[in-house]
Amino acid sequence: MATEEPEGTSTEDPFAEDPYDSGEEAPDPYESGTCLNGTLPDSTTAQEVSGVDEVSCSASDAHYQVIQTIPLTSDMSRCDANSATQYAFSYQYTLDGATLNEYVYCLIGLGSYAR
């Protein structure tokens, strides 16, 4: 025996779609052992950087290797506790200007980038 819903009601979930969902998932943070290319500024203060991407560690343009990932901070001085750190890199994932997550990466230089 089928039951009818009263007129004007719906079985669709009004919250099924997130109006703030951009359709893009936040990228996963870089893990220890990940290699990066590009050039990072030789600075302990935050600066905007572009052109730093994950690459194979055997690639000719692999300049840095992640040795530690520190979530929920942009304080690059947190890498001072890791004595192997040669470079620090901070990255924020944002949506419409709001920070969703942030990470600090402690890095070593590879090849001519090694210190």
PDB file of N, CA and C in Angstrom:
ATOM      1  N   MET A   1       0.844  -1.167   0.000  1.00  0.00           N
ATOM      2  CA  MET A   1       0.000   0.000   0.000  1.00  0.00           C
ATOM      3  C   MET A   1       0.892   1.234   0.000  1.00  0.00           C
ATOM      4  N   ALA A   2       0.761   2.088  -0.992  1.00  0.00           N
ATOM      5  CA  ALA A   2       1.574   3.294  -1.124  1.00  0.00           C
ATOM      6  C   ALA A   2       0.943   4.426  -0.337  1.00  0.00           C
ATOM      7  N   THR A   3       1.835   5.251   0.232  1.00  0.00           N
ATOM      8  CA  THR A   3       1.328   6.421   0.940  1.00  0.00           C
ATOM      9  C   THR A   3       1.681   7.658   0.139  1.00  0.00           C
ATOM     10  N   GLU A   4       0.786   8.598   0.116  1.00  0.00           N
ATOM     11  CA  GLU A   4       1.030   9.837  -0.596  1.00  0.00           C
ATOM     12  C   GLU A   4       1.462  10.904   0.395  1.00  0.00           C
ATOM     13  N   GLU A   5       2.373  11.760  -0.079  1.00  0.00           N
ATOM     14  CA  GLU A   5       2.786  12.873   0.768  1.00  0.00           C
ATOM     15  C   GLU A   5       1.800  14.007   0.595  1.00  0.00           C
ATOM     16  N   PRO A   6       1.567  14.749   1.647  1.00  0.00           N
ATOM     17  CA  PRO A   6       0.682  15.905   1.502  1.00  0.00           C
ATOM     18  C   PRO A   6       1.258  16.863   0.458  1.00  0.00           C
ATOM     19  N   GLU A   7       0.387  17.525  -0.258  1.00  0.00           N
ATOM     20  CA  GLU A   7       0.813  18.447  -1.298  1.00  0.00           C
ATOM     21  C   GLU A   7       1.672  19.563  -0.689  1.00  0.00           C
ATOM     22  N   GLY A   8       2.766  19.933  -1.412  1.00  0.00           N
ATOM     23  CA  GLY A   8       3.624  21.016  -0.927  1.00  0.00           C
ATOM     24  C   GLY A   8       4.787  20.533  -0.087  1.00  0.00           C
ATOM     25  N   THR A   9       4.908  19.232   0.164  1.00  0.00           N
ATOM     26  CA  THR A   9       6.057  18.727   0.915  1.00  0.00           C
ATOM     27  C   THR A   9       7.019  18.053  -0.045  1.00  0.00           C
ATOM     28  N   SER A  10       8.268  17.959   0.367  1.00  0.00           N
ATOM     29  CA  SER A  10       9.296  17.368  -0.490  1.00  0.00           C
ATOM     30  C   SER A  10      10.163  16.440   0.337  1.00  0.00           C
ATOM     31  N   THR A  11      10.639  15.373  -0.299  1.00  0.00           N
ATOM     32  CA  THR A  11      11.530  14.456   0.400  1.00  0.00           C
ATOM     33  C   THR A  11      12.987  14.799   0.135  1.00  0.00           C
ATOM     34  N   GLU A  12      13.256  15.838  -0.694  1.00  0.00           N
ATOM     35  CA  GLU A  12      14.633  16.230  -0.972  1.00  0.00           C
ATOM     36  C   GLU A  12      15.234  16.926   0.233  1.00  0.00           C
ATOM     37  N   ASP A  13      16.495  16.648   0.483  1.00  0.00           N
ATOM     38  CA  ASP A  13      17.210  17.268   1.596  1.00  0.00           C
ATOM     39  C   ASP A  13      17.625  18.679   1.197  1.00  0.00           C
ATOM     40  N   PRO A  14      17.097  19.718   1.866  1.00  0.00           N
ATOM     41  CA  PRO A  14      17.455  21.088   1.489  1.00  0.00           C
ATOM     42  C   PRO A  14      18.914  21.426   1.808  1.00  0.00           C
ATOM     43  N   PHE A  15      19.580  20.604   2.589  1.00  0.00           N
ATOM     44  CA  PHE A  15      20.963  20.858   2.973  1.00  0.00           C
ATOM     45  C   PHE A  15      21.943  19.951   2.230  1.00  0.00           C
ATOM     46  N   ALA A  16      21.452  19.241   1.218  1.00  0.00           N
ATOM     47  CA  ALA A  16      22.299  18.297   0.486  1.00  0.00           C
ATOM     48  C   ALA A  16      23.421  19.016  -0.259  1.00  0.00           C
ATOM     49  N   GLU A  17      23.174  20.207  -0.738  1.00  0.00           N
ATOM     50  CA  GLU A  17      24.207  20.969  -1.443  1.00  0.00           C
ATOM     51  C   GLU A  17      24.713  22.077  -0.552  1.00  0.00           C
ATOM     52  N   ASP A  18      26.015  22.214  -0.492  1.00  0.00           N
ATOM     53  CA  ASP A  18      26.656  23.272   0.284  1.00  0.00           C
ATOM     54  C   ASP A  18      26.776  24.506  -0.608  1.00  0.00           C
ATOM     55  N   PRO A  19      26.089  25.606  -0.269  1.00  0.00           N
ATOM     56  CA  PRO A  19      26.150  26.787  -1.129  1.00  0.00           C
ATOM     57  C   PRO A  19      27.546  27.413  -1.172  1.00  0.00           C
ATOM     58  N   TYR A  20      28.406  27.054  -0.241  1.00  0.00           N
ATOM     59  CA  TYR A  20      29.759  27.613  -0.187  1.00  0.00           C
ATOM     60  C   TYR A  20      30.794  26.699  -0.828  1.00  0.00           C
ATOM     61  N   ASP A  21      30.344  25.548  -1.318  1.00  0.00           N
ATOM     62  CA  ASP A  21      31.264  24.587  -1.927  1.00  0.00           C
ATOM     63  C   ASP A  21      31.672  25.081  -3.303  1.00  0.00           C
ATOM     64  N   SER A  22      32.971  25.296  -3.490  1.00  0.00           N
ATOM     65  CA  SER A  22      33.465  25.781  -4.774  1.00  0.00           C
ATOM     66  C   SER A  22      33.648  24.635  -5.765  1.00  0.00           C
ATOM     67  N   GLY A  23      33.443  23.404  -5.316  1.00  0.00           N
ATOM     68  CA  GLY A  23      33.648  22.256  -6.177  1.00  0.00           C
ATOM     69  C   GLY A  23      35.088  21.775  -6.144  1.00  0.00           C
ATOM     70  N   GLU A  24      35.971  22.527  -5.507  1.00  0.00           N
ATOM     71  CA  GLU A  24      37.373  22.138  -5.415  1.00  0.00           C
ATOM     72  C   GLU A  24      37.672  21.687  -3.992  1.00  0.00           C
ATOM     73  N   GLU A  25      38.382  20.577  -3.883  1.00  0.00           N
ATOM     74  CA  GLU A  25      38.809  20.120  -2.573  1.00  0.00           C
ATOM     75  C   GLU A  25      40.134  20.793  -2.237  1.00  0.00           C
ATOM     76  N   ALA A  26      40.342  21.077  -0.963  1.00  0.00           N
ATOM     77  CA  ALA A  26      41.627  21.640  -0.563  1.00  0.00           C
ATOM     78  C   ALA A  26      42.705  20.602  -0.854  1.00  0.00           C
ATOM     79  N   PRO A  27      43.829  21.032  -1.419  1.00  0.00           N
ATOM     80  CA  PRO A  27      44.885  20.070  -1.718  1.00  0.00           C
ATOM     81  C   PRO A  27      45.438  19.448  -0.438  1.00  0.00           C
ATOM     82  N   ASP A  28      45.894  18.223  -0.560  1.00  0.00           N
ATOM     83  CA  ASP A  28      46.528  17.565   0.576  1.00  0.00           C
ATOM     84  C   ASP A  28      47.853  18.260   0.852  1.00  0.00           C
ATOM     85  N   PRO A  29      48.234  18.326   2.118  1.00  0.00           N
ATOM     86  CA  PRO A  29      49.537  18.935   2.418  1.00  0.00           C
ATOM     87  C   PRO A  29      50.676  18.054   1.905  1.00  0.00           C
ATOM     88  N   TYR A  30      51.817  18.685   1.661  1.00  0.00           N
ATOM     89  CA  TYR A  30      52.996  17.926   1.256  1.00  0.00           C
ATOM     90  C   TYR A  30      53.450  17.069   2.435  1.00  0.00           C
ATOM     91  N   GLU A  31      53.845  15.845   2.166  1.00  0.00           N
ATOM     92  CA  GLU A  31      54.320  14.930   3.205  1.00  0.00           C
ATOM     93  C   GLU A  31      55.845  14.922   3.227  1.00  0.00           C
ATOM     94  N   SER A  32      56.403  14.437   4.324  1.00  0.00           N
ATOM     95  CA  SER A  32      57.855  14.289   4.402  1.00  0.00           C
ATOM     96  C   SER A  32      58.330  13.415   3.254  1.00  0.00           C
ATOM     97  N   GLY A  33      59.414  13.842   2.616  1.00  0.00           N
ATOM     98  CA  GLY A  33      59.954  13.111   1.480  1.00  0.00           C
ATOM     99  C   GLY A  33      59.531  13.699   0.141  1.00  0.00           C
ATOM    100  N   THR A  34      58.500  14.558   0.139  1.00  0.00           N
ATOM    101  CA  THR A  34      58.039  15.201  -1.085  1.00  0.00           C
ATOM    102  C   THR A  34      59.088  16.196  -1.561  1.00  0.00           C
ATOM    103  N   CYS A  35      59.314  16.260  -2.867  1.00  0.00           N
ATOM    104  CA  CYS A  35      60.263  17.221  -3.429  1.00  0.00           C
ATOM    105  C   CYS A  35      59.510  18.329  -4.145  1.00  0.00           C
ATOM    106  N   LEU A  36      60.087  19.523  -4.094  1.00  0.00           N
ATOM    107  CA  LEU A  36      59.475  20.715  -4.675  1.00  0.00           C
ATOM    108  C   LEU A  36      60.451  21.402  -5.612  1.00  0.00           C
ATOM    109  N   ASN A  37      59.913  22.089  -6.607  1.00  0.00           N
ATOM    110  CA  ASN A  37      60.751  22.882  -7.490  1.00  0.00           C
ATOM    111  C   ASN A  37      60.543  24.358  -7.176  1.00  0.00           C
ATOM    112  N   GLY A  38      60.963  25.241  -8.070  1.00  0.00           N
ATOM    113  CA  GLY A  38      60.786  26.671  -7.854  1.00  0.00           C
ATOM    114  C   GLY A  38      61.925  27.250  -7.042  1.00  0.00           C
ATOM    115  N   THR A  39      61.748  28.484  -6.628  1.00  0.00           N
ATOM    116  CA  THR A  39      62.760  29.153  -5.814  1.00  0.00           C
ATOM    117  C   THR A  39      62.077  29.852  -4.653  1.00  0.00           C
ATOM    118  N   LEU A  40      62.537  29.556  -3.460  1.00  0.00           N
ATOM    119  CA  LEU A  40      62.008  30.200  -2.258  1.00  0.00           C
ATOM    120  C   LEU A  40      62.910  31.364  -1.872  1.00  0.00           C
ATOM    121  N   PRO A  41      62.335  32.436  -1.353  1.00  0.00           N
ATOM    122  CA  PRO A  41      63.172  33.556  -0.915  1.00  0.00           C
ATOM    123  C   PRO A  41      63.996  33.157   0.303  1.00  0.00           C
ATOM    124  N   ASP A  42      65.179  33.719   0.412  1.00  0.00           N
ATOM    125  CA  ASP A  42      66.038  33.450   1.560  1.00  0.00           C
ATOM    126  C   ASP A  42      65.663  34.432   2.662  1.00  0.00           C
ATOM    127  N   SER A  43      64.542  34.128   3.324  1.00  0.00           N
ATOM    128  CA  SER A  43      63.986  35.047   4.310  1.00  0.00           C
ATOM    129  C   SER A  43      63.246  34.267   5.378  1.00  0.00           C
ATOM    130  N   THR A  44      63.229  34.809   6.583  1.00  0.00           N
ATOM    131  CA  THR A  44      62.470  34.189   7.668  1.00  0.00           C
ATOM    132  C   THR A  44      61.119  34.865   7.845  1.00  0.00           C
ATOM    133  N   THR A  45      60.831  35.900   7.048  1.00  0.00           N
ATOM    134  CA  THR A  45      59.527  36.549   7.097  1.00  0.00           C
ATOM    135  C   THR A  45      58.690  36.078   5.914  1.00  0.00           C
ATOM    136  N   ALA A  46      57.401  36.041   6.115  1.00  0.00           N
ATOM    137  CA  ALA A  46      56.494  35.546   5.074  1.00  0.00           C
ATOM    138  C   ALA A  46      56.508  36.469   3.864  1.00  0.00           C
ATOM    139  N   GLN A  47      56.619  35.856   2.697  1.00  0.00           N
ATOM    140  CA  GLN A  47      56.566  36.570   1.426  1.00  0.00           C
ATOM    141  C   GLN A  47      55.750  35.735   0.454  1.00  0.00           C
ATOM    142  N   GLU A  48      55.069  36.410  -0.460  1.00  0.00           N
ATOM    143  CA  GLU A  48      54.293  35.665  -1.449  1.00  0.00           C
ATOM    144  C   GLU A  48      55.238  34.986  -2.428  1.00  0.00           C
ATOM    145  N   VAL A  49      54.973  33.712  -2.685  1.00  0.00           N
ATOM    146  CA  VAL A  49      55.803  32.912  -3.577  1.00  0.00           C
ATOM    147  C   VAL A  49      54.889  32.212  -4.568  1.00  0.00           C
ATOM    148  N   SER A  50      55.323  32.123  -5.814  1.00  0.00           N
ATOM    149  CA  SER A  50      54.567  31.350  -6.795  1.00  0.00           C
ATOM    150  C   SER A  50      55.545  30.454  -7.540  1.00  0.00           C
ATOM    151  N   GLY A  51      55.013  29.475  -8.217  1.00  0.00           N
ATOM    152  CA  GLY A  51      55.846  28.593  -9.020  1.00  0.00           C
ATOM    153  C   GLY A  51      56.538  27.491  -8.235  1.00  0.00           C
ATOM    154  N   VAL A  52      56.057  27.205  -7.038  1.00  0.00           N
ATOM    155  CA  VAL A  52      56.601  26.090  -6.250  1.00  0.00           C
ATOM    156  C   VAL A  52      55.590  24.951  -6.343  1.00  0.00           C
ATOM    157  N   ASP A  53      56.020  23.848  -6.948  1.00  0.00           N
ATOM    158  CA  ASP A  53      55.132  22.709  -7.160  1.00  0.00           C
ATOM    159  C   ASP A  53      55.837  21.412  -6.792  1.00  0.00           C
ATOM    160  N   GLU A  54      55.031  20.378  -6.536  1.00  0.00           N
ATOM    161  CA  GLU A  54      55.570  19.046  -6.247  1.00  0.00           C
ATOM    162  C   GLU A  54      56.139  18.445  -7.526  1.00  0.00           C
ATOM    163  N   VAL A  55      57.336  17.879  -7.415  1.00  0.00           N
ATOM    164  CA  VAL A  55      57.981  17.204  -8.543  1.00  0.00           C
ATOM    165  C   VAL A  55      58.605  15.905  -8.043  1.00  0.00           C
ATOM    166  N   SER A  56      58.974  15.052  -8.960  1.00  0.00           N
ATOM    167  CA  SER A  56      59.689  13.831  -8.612  1.00  0.00           C
ATOM    168  C   SER A  56      61.046  14.210  -8.023  1.00  0.00           C
ATOM    169  N   CYS A  57      61.486  13.484  -7.022  1.00  0.00           N
ATOM    170  CA  CYS A  57      62.782  13.788  -6.401  1.00  0.00           C
ATOM    171  C   CYS A  57      63.945  13.524  -7.353  1.00  0.00           C
ATOM    172  N   SER A  58      63.704  12.778  -8.417  1.00  0.00           N
ATOM    173  CA  SER A  58      64.762  12.534  -9.396  1.00  0.00           C
ATOM    174  C   SER A  58      64.737  13.565 -10.529  1.00  0.00           C
ATOM    175  N   ALA A  59      63.782  14.481 -10.500  1.00  0.00           N
ATOM    176  CA  ALA A  59      63.669  15.504 -11.546  1.00  0.00           C
ATOM    177  C   ALA A  59      64.829  16.491 -11.448  1.00  0.00           C
ATOM    178  N   SER A  60      65.243  16.996 -12.595  1.00  0.00           N
ATOM    179  CA  SER A  60      66.365  17.949 -12.614  1.00  0.00           C
ATOM    180  C   SER A  60      66.014  19.259 -11.932  1.00  0.00           C
ATOM    181  N   ASP A  61      64.713  19.570 -11.826  1.00  0.00           N
ATOM    182  CA  ASP A  61      64.314  20.810 -11.165  1.00  0.00           C
ATOM    183  C   ASP A  61      63.809  20.590  -9.735  1.00  0.00           C
ATOM    184  N   ALA A  62      64.141  19.464  -9.115  1.00  0.00           N
ATOM    185  CA  ALA A  62      63.818  19.231  -7.701  1.00  0.00           C
ATOM    186  C   ALA A  62      64.840  20.005  -6.861  1.00  0.00           C
ATOM    187  N   HIS A  63      64.377  21.062  -6.213  1.00  0.00           N
ATOM    188  CA  HIS A  63      65.277  21.949  -5.470  1.00  0.00           C
ATOM    189  C   HIS A  63      65.210  21.772  -3.961  1.00  0.00           C
ATOM    190  N   TYR A  64      64.079  21.286  -3.456  1.00  0.00           N
ATOM    191  CA  TYR A  64      63.875  21.165  -2.013  1.00  0.00           C
ATOM    192  C   TYR A  64      63.191  19.839  -1.696  1.00  0.00           C
ATOM    193  N   GLN A  65      63.412  19.350  -0.473  1.00  0.00           N
ATOM    194  CA  GLN A  65      62.709  18.156  -0.010  1.00  0.00           C
ATOM    195  C   GLN A  65      62.109  18.457   1.356  1.00  0.00           C
ATOM    196  N   VAL A  66      60.824  18.100   1.520  1.00  0.00           N
ATOM    197  CA  VAL A  66      60.123  18.309   2.785  1.00  0.00           C
ATOM    198  C   VAL A  66      60.643  17.310   3.811  1.00  0.00           C
ATOM    199  N   ILE A  67      61.065  17.819   4.968  1.00  0.00           N
ATOM    200  CA  ILE A  67      61.507  16.927   6.039  1.00  0.00           C
ATOM    201  C   ILE A  67      60.541  16.938   7.224  1.00  0.00           C
ATOM    202  N   GLN A  68      59.640  17.948   7.261  1.00  0.00           N
ATOM    203  CA  GLN A  68      58.640  18.003   8.329  1.00  0.00           C
ATOM    204  C   GLN A  68      57.498  18.895   7.889  1.00  0.00           C
ATOM    205  N   THR A  69      56.266  18.489   8.219  1.00  0.00           N
ATOM    206  CA  THR A  69      55.065  19.280   7.951  1.00  0.00           C
ATOM    207  C   THR A  69      54.428  19.624   9.288  1.00  0.00           C
ATOM    208  N   ILE A  70      54.172  20.909   9.498  1.00  0.00           N
ATOM    209  CA  ILE A  70      53.559  21.366  10.750  1.00  0.00           C
ATOM    210  C   ILE A  70      52.212  22.005  10.397  1.00  0.00           C
ATOM    211  N   PRO A  71      51.093  21.361  10.755  1.00  0.00           N
ATOM    212  CA  PRO A  71      49.779  21.897  10.400  1.00  0.00           C
ATOM    213  C   PRO A  71      49.312  22.998  11.345  1.00  0.00           C
ATOM    214  N   LEU A  72      48.321  23.756  10.875  1.00  0.00           N
ATOM    215  CA  LEU A  72      47.592  24.749  11.667  1.00  0.00           C
ATOM    216  C   LEU A  72      48.447  25.922  12.132  1.00  0.00           C
ATOM    217  N   THR A  73      49.450  26.290  11.345  1.00  0.00           N
ATOM    218  CA  THR A  73      50.268  27.451  11.680  1.00  0.00           C
ATOM    219  C   THR A  73      50.888  28.018  10.410  1.00  0.00           C
ATOM    220  N   SER A  74      51.259  29.282  10.484  1.00  0.00           N
ATOM    221  CA  SER A  74      52.039  29.900   9.414  1.00  0.00           C
ATOM    222  C   SER A  74      53.353  30.432   9.989  1.00  0.00           C
ATOM    223  N   ASP A  75      53.660  30.051  11.231  1.00  0.00           N
ATOM    224  CA  ASP A  75      54.858  30.500  11.934  1.00  0.00           C
ATOM    225  C   ASP A  75      56.067  29.675  11.487  1.00  0.00           C
ATOM    226  N   MET A  76      56.842  30.232  10.561  1.00  0.00           N
ATOM    227  CA  MET A  76      57.972  29.494   9.996  1.00  0.00           C
ATOM    228  C   MET A  76      59.078  29.254  11.022  1.00  0.00           C
ATOM    229  N   SER A  77      59.096  29.999  12.122  1.00  0.00           N
ATOM    230  CA  SER A  77      60.114  29.769  13.149  1.00  0.00           C
ATOM    231  C   SER A  77      59.915  28.424  13.851  1.00  0.00           C
ATOM    232  N   ARG A  78      58.769  27.785  13.640  1.00  0.00           N
ATOM    233  CA  ARG A  78      58.537  26.453  14.225  1.00  0.00           C
ATOM    234  C   ARG A  78      59.544  25.446  13.673  1.00  0.00           C
ATOM    235  N   CYS A  79      60.120  25.710  12.496  1.00  0.00           N
ATOM    236  CA  CYS A  79      61.123  24.819  11.909  1.00  0.00           C
ATOM    237  C   CYS A  79      62.474  24.945  12.627  1.00  0.00           C
ATOM    238  N   ASP A  80      62.652  25.971  13.438  1.00  0.00           N
ATOM    239  CA  ASP A  80      63.905  26.134  14.171  1.00  0.00           C
ATOM    240  C   ASP A  80      64.178  24.937  15.083  1.00  0.00           C
ATOM    241  N   ALA A  81      63.117  24.258  15.515  1.00  0.00           N
ATOM    242  CA  ALA A  81      63.261  23.101  16.397  1.00  0.00           C
ATOM    243  C   ALA A  81      63.817  21.877  15.661  1.00  0.00           C
ATOM    244  N   ASN A  82      63.791  21.903  14.335  1.00  0.00           N
ATOM    245  CA  ASN A  82      64.329  20.795  13.537  1.00  0.00           C
ATOM    246  C   ASN A  82      65.692  21.243  13.007  1.00  0.00           C
ATOM    247  N   SER A  83      66.751  20.746  13.589  1.00  0.00           N
ATOM    248  CA  SER A  83      68.105  21.211  13.270  1.00  0.00           C
ATOM    249  C   SER A  83      68.532  20.930  11.829  1.00  0.00           C
ATOM    250  N   ALA A  84      67.850  20.031  11.138  1.00  0.00           N
ATOM    251  CA  ALA A  84      68.196  19.726   9.752  1.00  0.00           C
ATOM    252  C   ALA A  84      67.608  20.741   8.767  1.00  0.00           C
ATOM    253  N   THR A  85      66.698  21.602   9.237  1.00  0.00           N
ATOM    254  CA  THR A  85      66.017  22.553   8.362  1.00  0.00           C
ATOM    255  C   THR A  85      66.987  23.540   7.735  1.00  0.00           C
ATOM    256  N   GLN A  86      66.890  23.679   6.414  1.00  0.00           N
ATOM    257  CA  GLN A  86      67.672  24.678   5.685  1.00  0.00           C
ATOM    258  C   GLN A  86      66.775  25.797   5.153  1.00  0.00           C
ATOM    259  N   TYR A  87      65.513  25.472   4.904  1.00  0.00           N
ATOM    260  CA  TYR A  87      64.536  26.439   4.408  1.00  0.00           C
ATOM    261  C   TYR A  87      63.205  26.172   5.107  1.00  0.00           C
ATOM    262  N   ALA A  88      62.383  27.213   5.229  1.00  0.00           N
ATOM    263  CA  ALA A  88      61.023  27.051   5.746  1.00  0.00           C
ATOM    264  C   ALA A  88      60.068  27.656   4.728  1.00  0.00           C
ATOM    265  N   PHE A  89      58.918  27.048   4.602  1.00  0.00           N
ATOM    266  CA  PHE A  89      57.940  27.439   3.594  1.00  0.00           C
ATOM    267  C   PHE A  89      56.565  27.332   4.229  1.00  0.00           C
ATOM    268  N   SER A  90      55.784  28.396   4.166  1.00  0.00           N
ATOM    269  CA  SER A  90      54.439  28.401   4.728  1.00  0.00           C
ATOM    270  C   SER A  90      53.428  28.464   3.598  1.00  0.00           C
ATOM    271  N   TYR A  91      52.329  27.728   3.740  1.00  0.00           N
ATOM    272  CA  TYR A  91      51.300  27.742   2.714  1.00  0.00           C
ATOM    273  C   TYR A  91      49.923  27.787   3.361  1.00  0.00           C
ATOM    274  N   GLN A  92      49.062  28.669   2.849  1.00  0.00           N
ATOM    275  CA  GLN A  92      47.692  28.771   3.339  1.00  0.00           C
ATOM    276  C   GLN A  92      46.735  28.363   2.230  1.00  0.00           C
ATOM    277  N   TYR A  93      45.741  27.558   2.582  1.00  0.00           N
ATOM    278  CA  TYR A  93      44.667  27.205   1.673  1.00  0.00           C
ATOM    279  C   TYR A  93      43.505  28.126   2.022  1.00  0.00           C
ATOM    280  N   THR A  94      43.038  28.912   1.058  1.00  0.00           N
ATOM    281  CA  THR A  94      41.987  29.887   1.316  1.00  0.00           C
ATOM    282  C   THR A  94      40.794  29.660   0.400  1.00  0.00           C
ATOM    283  N   LEU A  95      39.661  30.169   0.826  1.00  0.00           N
ATOM    284  CA  LEU A  95      38.448  30.168   0.026  1.00  0.00           C
ATOM    285  C   LEU A  95      37.807  31.533   0.212  1.00  0.00           C
ATOM    286  N   ASP A  96      37.698  32.268  -0.865  1.00  0.00           N
ATOM    287  CA  ASP A  96      37.121  33.619  -0.825  1.00  0.00           C
ATOM    288  C   ASP A  96      37.781  34.487   0.243  1.00  0.00           C
ATOM    289  N   GLY A  97      39.091  34.365   0.388  1.00  0.00           N
ATOM    290  CA  GLY A  97      39.847  35.197   1.309  1.00  0.00           C
ATOM    291  C   GLY A  97      39.913  34.673   2.741  1.00  0.00           C
ATOM    292  N   ALA A  98      39.159  33.636   3.060  1.00  0.00           N
ATOM    293  CA  ALA A  98      39.176  33.065   4.413  1.00  0.00           C
ATOM    294  C   ALA A  98      40.127  31.875   4.438  1.00  0.00           C
ATOM    295  N   THR A  99      40.998  31.831   5.446  1.00  0.00           N
ATOM    296  CA  THR A  99      41.944  30.734   5.579  1.00  0.00           C
ATOM    297  C   THR A  99      41.218  29.474   6.025  1.00  0.00           C
ATOM    298  N   LEU A 100      41.329  28.408   5.224  1.00  0.00           N
ATOM    299  CA  LEU A 100      40.741  27.120   5.573  1.00  0.00           C
ATOM    300  C   LEU A 100      41.728  26.272   6.369  1.00  0.00           C
ATOM    301  N   ASN A 101      42.991  26.327   5.965  1.00  0.00           N
ATOM    302  CA  ASN A 101      44.032  25.575   6.651  1.00  0.00           C
ATOM    303  C   ASN A 101      45.370  26.173   6.267  1.00  0.00           C
ATOM    304  N   GLU A 102      46.358  25.946   7.097  1.00  0.00           N
ATOM    305  CA  GLU A 102      47.694  26.447   6.808  1.00  0.00           C
ATOM    306  C   GLU A 102      48.720  25.465   7.332  1.00  0.00           C
ATOM    307  N   TYR A 103      49.871  25.461   6.664  1.00  0.00           N
ATOM    308  CA  TYR A 103      50.938  24.532   6.998  1.00  0.00           C
ATOM    309  C   TYR A 103      52.274  25.242   6.903  1.00  0.00           C
ATOM    310  N   VAL A 104      53.214  24.798   7.713  1.00  0.00           N
ATOM    311  CA  VAL A 104      54.613  25.190   7.580  1.00  0.00           C
ATOM    312  C   VAL A 104      55.370  23.934   7.187  1.00  0.00           C
ATOM    313  N   TYR A 105      56.236  24.080   6.197  1.00  0.00           N
ATOM    314  CA  TYR A 105      57.060  22.972   5.725  1.00  0.00           C
ATOM    315  C   TYR A 105      58.511  23.271   6.038  1.00  0.00           C
ATOM    316  N   CYS A 106      59.174  22.343   6.684  1.00  0.00           N
ATOM    317  CA  CYS A 106      60.609  22.437   6.943  1.00  0.00           C
ATOM    318  C   CYS A 106      61.289  21.659   5.817  1.00  0.00           C
ATOM    319  N   LEU A 107      62.260  22.296   5.174  1.00  0.00           N
ATOM    320  CA  LEU A 107      62.844  21.742   3.958  1.00  0.00           C
ATOM    321  C   LEU A 107      64.361  21.658   4.042  1.00  0.00           C
ATOM    322  N   ILE A 108      64.912  20.781   3.224  1.00  0.00           N
ATOM    323  CA  ILE A 108      66.360  20.782   2.961  1.00  0.00           C
ATOM    324  C   ILE A 108      66.526  21.097   1.484  1.00  0.00           C
ATOM    325  N   GLY A 109      67.651  21.713   1.144  1.00  0.00           N
ATOM    326  CA  GLY A 109      67.929  22.006  -0.244  1.00  0.00           C
ATOM    327  C   GLY A 109      68.575  20.803  -0.918  1.00  0.00           C
ATOM    328  N   LEU A 110      68.320  20.647  -2.198  1.00  0.00           N
ATOM    329  CA  LEU A 110      68.906  19.563  -2.980  1.00  0.00           C
ATOM    330  C   LEU A 110      69.872  20.147  -3.998  1.00  0.00           C
ATOM    331  N   GLY A 111      70.942  19.427  -4.290  1.00  0.00           N
ATOM    332  CA  GLY A 111      71.926  19.879  -5.288  1.00  0.00           C
ATOM    333  C   GLY A 111      72.507  21.217  -4.917  1.00  0.00           C
ATOM    334  N   SER A 112      72.467  22.166  -5.847  1.00  0.00           N
ATOM    335  CA  SER A 112      73.058  23.493  -5.595  1.00  0.00           C
ATOM    336  C   SER A 112      72.248  24.306  -4.587  1.00  0.00           C
ATOM    337  N   TYR A 113      71.065  23.824  -4.200  1.00  0.00           N
ATOM    338  CA  TYR A 113      70.230  24.521  -3.192  1.00  0.00           C
ATOM    339  C   TYR A 113      70.564  24.073  -1.772  1.00  0.00           C
ATOM    340  N   ALA A 114      71.385  23.040  -1.628  1.00  0.00           N
ATOM    341  CA  ALA A 114      71.769  22.559  -0.293  1.00  0.00           C
ATOM    342  C   ALA A 114      72.636  23.613   0.385  1.00  0.00           C
ATOM    343  N   ARG A 115      72.456  23.752   1.675  1.00  0.00           N
ATOM    344  CA  ARG A 115      73.251  24.730   2.450  1.00  0.00           C
ATOM    345  C   ARG A 115      74.208  24.007   3.353  1.00  0.00           C
TER     346      ARG A 115
END
